[in-house]
Amino acid sequence: VVLVFAVALGGMQIAGEQLRLQSAVADAARMLGRGDSGAASRVRDAASGARLSESRRGALVCATARAPTSLGFLFAISLSASSCALDDAAPG
């Protein structure tokens, strides 16, 4: 029973981390679209060890972040989140 409870709590913790990462990467995409600096630091502040990459697809700028996390000592996983925003900084 204790093990099941611990795994359930760990799962909730990972879900919370995924939500924070998704929110941060959405902010980062909007920041990149506006040409603002600080997108990478926004993602790093949300998730320890997170890495941000960006790509451009036509009129969109997309941000993808990956962050390592673990469920205690049981196993480690990598979280990932992506978001796109209109590229206001693009010429045209």
N, C-alpha and C. Protein backbone atom coordinates (compact mmCIF):
# COMPACT_ATOMS: atom_id res chain seq x y z
N VAL A 1 0.83 -1.19 0.00
CA VAL A 1 0.00 0.00 0.00
C VAL A 1 0.88 1.26 0.00
N VAL A 2 1.94 1.24 0.79
CA VAL A 2 2.82 2.41 0.87
C VAL A 2 3.51 2.64 -0.48
N LEU A 3 3.93 1.56 -1.14
CA LEU A 3 4.59 1.69 -2.43
C LEU A 3 3.63 2.27 -3.48
N VAL A 4 2.41 1.81 -3.49
CA VAL A 4 1.41 2.33 -4.44
C VAL A 4 1.18 3.82 -4.17
N PHE A 5 1.07 4.19 -2.91
CA PHE A 5 0.88 5.59 -2.54
C PHE A 5 2.07 6.45 -2.99
N ALA A 6 3.27 5.94 -2.79
CA ALA A 6 4.48 6.67 -3.18
C ALA A 6 4.55 6.86 -4.69
N VAL A 7 4.21 5.82 -5.45
CA VAL A 7 4.23 5.92 -6.91
C VAL A 7 3.16 6.90 -7.38
N ALA A 8 1.99 6.89 -6.75
CA ALA A 8 0.92 7.83 -7.12
C ALA A 8 1.36 9.27 -6.85
N LEU A 9 1.98 9.52 -5.72
CA LEU A 9 2.47 10.86 -5.42
C LEU A 9 3.57 11.28 -6.39
N GLY A 10 4.43 10.35 -6.73
CA GLY A 10 5.49 10.65 -7.70
C GLY A 10 4.91 10.97 -9.07
N GLY A 11 3.88 10.25 -9.46
CA GLY A 11 3.21 10.54 -10.73
C GLY A 11 2.59 11.91 -10.74
N MET A 12 2.01 12.32 -9.63
CA MET A 12 1.44 13.66 -9.53
C MET A 12 2.53 14.71 -9.61
N GLN A 13 3.68 14.44 -9.02
CA GLN A 13 4.81 15.37 -9.07
C GLN A 13 5.28 15.54 -10.51
N ILE A 14 5.41 14.45 -11.24
CA ILE A 14 5.85 14.52 -12.63
C ILE A 14 4.82 15.26 -13.48
N ALA A 15 3.54 15.02 -13.23
CA ALA A 15 2.50 15.75 -13.98
C ALA A 15 2.59 17.25 -13.72
N GLY A 16 2.87 17.64 -12.48
CA GLY A 16 3.04 19.05 -12.16
C GLY A 16 4.25 19.65 -12.88
N GLU A 17 5.33 18.89 -12.95
CA GLU A 17 6.53 19.36 -13.66
C GLU A 17 6.24 19.52 -15.15
N GLN A 18 5.45 18.59 -15.71
CA GLN A 18 5.09 18.68 -17.13
C GLN A 18 4.26 19.94 -17.39
N LEU A 19 3.33 20.24 -16.50
CA LEU A 19 2.52 21.45 -16.65
C LEU A 19 3.37 22.72 -16.57
N ARG A 20 4.30 22.76 -15.64
CA ARG A 20 5.19 23.92 -15.53
C ARG A 20 6.06 24.07 -16.78
N LEU A 21 6.56 22.95 -17.29
CA LEU A 21 7.39 22.99 -18.50
C LEU A 21 6.57 23.46 -19.69
N GLN A 22 5.34 22.98 -19.83
CA GLN A 22 4.49 23.38 -20.95
C GLN A 22 4.16 24.87 -20.89
N SER A 23 3.87 25.36 -19.71
CA SER A 23 3.58 26.78 -19.54
C SER A 23 4.80 27.64 -19.88
N ALA A 24 5.97 27.20 -19.44
CA ALA A 24 7.20 27.94 -19.70
C ALA A 24 7.54 27.94 -21.17
N VAL A 25 7.34 26.84 -21.86
CA VAL A 25 7.69 26.78 -23.28
C VAL A 25 6.69 27.60 -24.10
N ALA A 26 5.45 27.69 -23.66
CA ALA A 26 4.48 28.57 -24.35
C ALA A 26 4.91 30.03 -24.19
N ASP A 27 5.33 30.39 -22.98
CA ASP A 27 5.85 31.75 -22.76
C ASP A 27 7.09 32.00 -23.62
N ALA A 28 7.97 31.02 -23.69
CA ALA A 28 9.20 31.15 -24.46
C ALA A 28 8.90 31.34 -25.95
N ALA A 29 7.93 30.61 -26.48
CA ALA A 29 7.57 30.75 -27.89
C ALA A 29 7.06 32.16 -28.17
N ARG A 30 6.22 32.68 -27.27
CA ARG A 30 5.73 34.05 -27.45
C ARG A 30 6.87 35.05 -27.36
N MET A 31 7.79 34.84 -26.43
CA MET A 31 8.94 35.74 -26.30
C MET A 31 9.81 35.71 -27.56
N LEU A 32 10.05 34.52 -28.10
CA LEU A 32 10.83 34.40 -29.32
C LEU A 32 10.11 35.07 -30.49
N GLY A 33 8.79 34.94 -30.55
CA GLY A 33 8.01 35.56 -31.61
C GLY A 33 8.07 37.07 -31.56
N ARG A 34 8.16 37.63 -30.38
CA ARG A 34 8.27 39.09 -30.22
C ARG A 34 9.69 39.58 -30.37
N GLY A 35 10.65 38.67 -30.37
CA GLY A 35 12.05 39.06 -30.45
C GLY A 35 12.64 39.41 -29.11
N ASP A 36 11.95 39.05 -28.01
CA ASP A 36 12.44 39.32 -26.66
C ASP A 36 13.55 38.35 -26.30
N SER A 37 14.42 38.79 -25.42
CA SER A 37 15.45 37.89 -24.90
C SER A 37 14.92 37.24 -23.62
N GLY A 38 15.59 36.22 -23.20
CA GLY A 38 15.23 35.59 -21.93
C GLY A 38 14.35 34.36 -22.05
N ALA A 39 14.10 33.88 -23.27
CA ALA A 39 13.25 32.71 -23.44
C ALA A 39 13.89 31.47 -22.80
N ALA A 40 15.18 31.29 -23.01
CA ALA A 40 15.87 30.12 -22.45
C ALA A 40 15.88 30.16 -20.93
N SER A 41 16.08 31.35 -20.36
CA SER A 41 16.11 31.44 -18.90
C SER A 41 14.72 31.20 -18.32
N ARG A 42 13.66 31.57 -19.05
CA ARG A 42 12.29 31.30 -18.58
C ARG A 42 12.07 29.80 -18.45
N VAL A 43 12.56 29.05 -19.43
CA VAL A 43 12.41 27.59 -19.40
C VAL A 43 13.27 26.98 -18.30
N ARG A 44 14.51 27.46 -18.17
CA ARG A 44 15.40 26.92 -17.13
C ARG A 44 14.85 27.21 -15.73
N ASP A 45 14.20 28.37 -15.55
CA ASP A 45 13.61 28.69 -14.25
C ASP A 45 12.46 27.74 -13.91
N ALA A 46 11.75 27.27 -14.92
CA ALA A 46 10.60 26.40 -14.69
C ALA A 46 11.00 24.97 -14.40
N ALA A 47 12.07 24.51 -15.03
CA ALA A 47 12.49 23.11 -14.86
C ALA A 47 14.00 23.02 -14.83
N SER A 48 14.51 22.49 -13.78
CA SER A 48 15.96 22.36 -13.61
C SER A 48 16.54 21.47 -14.71
N GLY A 49 17.58 21.94 -15.36
CA GLY A 49 18.25 21.16 -16.40
C GLY A 49 17.55 21.18 -17.74
N ALA A 50 16.53 22.02 -17.91
CA ALA A 50 15.79 22.06 -19.17
C ALA A 50 16.62 22.71 -20.26
N ARG A 51 16.43 22.24 -21.48
CA ARG A 51 17.11 22.79 -22.65
C ARG A 51 16.05 23.23 -23.64
N LEU A 52 16.26 24.40 -24.21
CA LEU A 52 15.31 24.98 -25.16
C LEU A 52 15.91 24.97 -26.56
N SER A 53 15.11 24.56 -27.54
CA SER A 53 15.51 24.70 -28.94
C SER A 53 14.38 25.42 -29.66
N GLU A 54 14.74 26.11 -30.74
CA GLU A 54 13.74 26.85 -31.49
C GLU A 54 13.84 26.50 -32.96
N SER A 55 12.71 26.62 -33.64
CA SER A 55 12.67 26.40 -35.08
C SER A 55 11.64 27.35 -35.67
N ARG A 56 11.79 27.63 -36.93
CA ARG A 56 10.85 28.54 -37.61
C ARG A 56 10.16 27.76 -38.72
N ARG A 57 8.85 27.93 -38.76
CA ARG A 57 8.02 27.25 -39.77
C ARG A 57 7.12 28.31 -40.41
N GLY A 58 7.58 28.89 -41.48
CA GLY A 58 6.79 29.93 -42.13
C GLY A 58 6.67 31.15 -41.22
N ALA A 59 5.44 31.51 -40.88
CA ALA A 59 5.20 32.68 -40.04
C ALA A 59 5.20 32.33 -38.55
N LEU A 60 5.59 31.10 -38.21
CA LEU A 60 5.59 30.67 -36.81
C LEU A 60 7.00 30.45 -36.30
N VAL A 61 7.18 30.72 -35.04
CA VAL A 61 8.41 30.33 -34.35
C VAL A 61 7.98 29.30 -33.30
N CYS A 62 8.66 28.18 -33.28
CA CYS A 62 8.30 27.10 -32.37
C CYS A 62 9.42 26.86 -31.36
N ALA A 63 9.03 26.61 -30.15
CA ALA A 63 9.98 26.33 -29.07
C ALA A 63 9.71 24.91 -28.55
N THR A 64 10.78 24.19 -28.33
CA THR A 64 10.69 22.84 -27.76
C THR A 64 11.65 22.77 -26.59
N ALA A 65 11.18 22.24 -25.49
CA ALA A 65 12.03 22.10 -24.31
C ALA A 65 12.03 20.64 -23.86
N ARG A 66 13.17 20.22 -23.38
CA ARG A 66 13.31 18.89 -22.78
C ARG A 66 13.95 19.06 -21.42
N ALA A 67 13.45 18.29 -20.47
CA ALA A 67 13.97 18.38 -19.11
C ALA A 67 14.00 17.00 -18.48
N PRO A 68 15.12 16.65 -17.84
CA PRO A 68 15.18 15.36 -17.15
C PRO A 68 14.43 15.43 -15.82
N THR A 69 13.82 14.35 -15.44
CA THR A 69 13.18 14.25 -14.14
C THR A 69 13.22 12.79 -13.70
N SER A 70 12.91 12.55 -12.46
CA SER A 70 12.93 11.18 -11.97
C SER A 70 11.82 10.96 -10.96
N LEU A 71 11.48 9.72 -10.82
CA LEU A 71 10.50 9.30 -9.81
C LEU A 71 11.30 8.66 -8.68
N GLY A 72 11.83 9.54 -7.84
CA GLY A 72 12.67 9.05 -6.74
C GLY A 72 13.86 8.29 -7.27
N PHE A 73 14.11 7.15 -6.71
CA PHE A 73 15.22 6.32 -7.14
C PHE A 73 14.75 5.22 -8.09
N LEU A 74 13.45 5.19 -8.41
CA LEU A 74 12.90 4.10 -9.22
C LEU A 74 13.32 4.20 -10.69
N PHE A 75 13.08 5.34 -11.31
CA PHE A 75 13.46 5.50 -12.71
C PHE A 75 13.51 6.97 -13.09
N ALA A 76 14.23 7.24 -14.17
CA ALA A 76 14.36 8.61 -14.68
C ALA A 76 13.69 8.69 -16.05
N ILE A 77 13.05 9.82 -16.32
CA ILE A 77 12.43 10.04 -17.62
C ILE A 77 12.77 11.45 -18.09
N SER A 78 12.51 11.69 -19.35
CA SER A 78 12.73 13.01 -19.93
C SER A 78 11.38 13.60 -20.32
N LEU A 79 11.07 14.78 -19.80
CA LEU A 79 9.84 15.47 -20.16
C LEU A 79 10.10 16.32 -21.38
N SER A 80 9.08 16.51 -22.20
CA SER A 80 9.20 17.32 -23.40
C SER A 80 7.93 18.13 -23.59
N ALA A 81 8.09 19.37 -24.07
CA ALA A 81 6.95 20.23 -24.35
C ALA A 81 7.28 21.11 -25.54
N SER A 82 6.28 21.40 -26.36
CA SER A 82 6.47 22.25 -27.53
C SER A 82 5.33 23.24 -27.64
N SER A 83 5.63 24.38 -28.24
CA SER A 83 4.61 25.40 -28.47
C SER A 83 5.08 26.30 -29.60
N CYS A 84 4.13 26.84 -30.37
CA CYS A 84 4.44 27.75 -31.46
C CYS A 84 3.69 29.05 -31.27
N ALA A 85 4.26 30.12 -31.80
CA ALA A 85 3.64 31.43 -31.74
C ALA A 85 3.93 32.17 -33.04
N LEU A 86 3.13 33.16 -33.34
CA LEU A 86 3.34 33.97 -34.52
C LEU A 86 4.68 34.70 -34.42
N ASP A 87 5.44 34.70 -35.49
CA ASP A 87 6.77 35.31 -35.50
C ASP A 87 6.64 36.78 -35.89
N ASP A 88 6.40 37.64 -34.90
CA ASP A 88 6.27 39.07 -35.14
C ASP A 88 7.59 39.71 -35.53
N ALA A 89 8.69 39.08 -35.18
CA ALA A 89 10.02 39.64 -35.45
C ALA A 89 10.49 39.36 -36.87
N ALA A 90 9.77 38.49 -37.59
CA ALA A 90 10.18 38.14 -38.95
C ALA A 90 9.93 39.30 -39.90
N PRO A 91 10.81 39.50 -40.86
CA PRO A 91 10.59 40.57 -41.83
C PRO A 91 9.40 40.26 -42.72
N GLY A 92 8.69 41.28 -43.11
CA GLY A 92 7.59 41.06 -44.05
C GLY A 92 6.33 41.41 -43.47
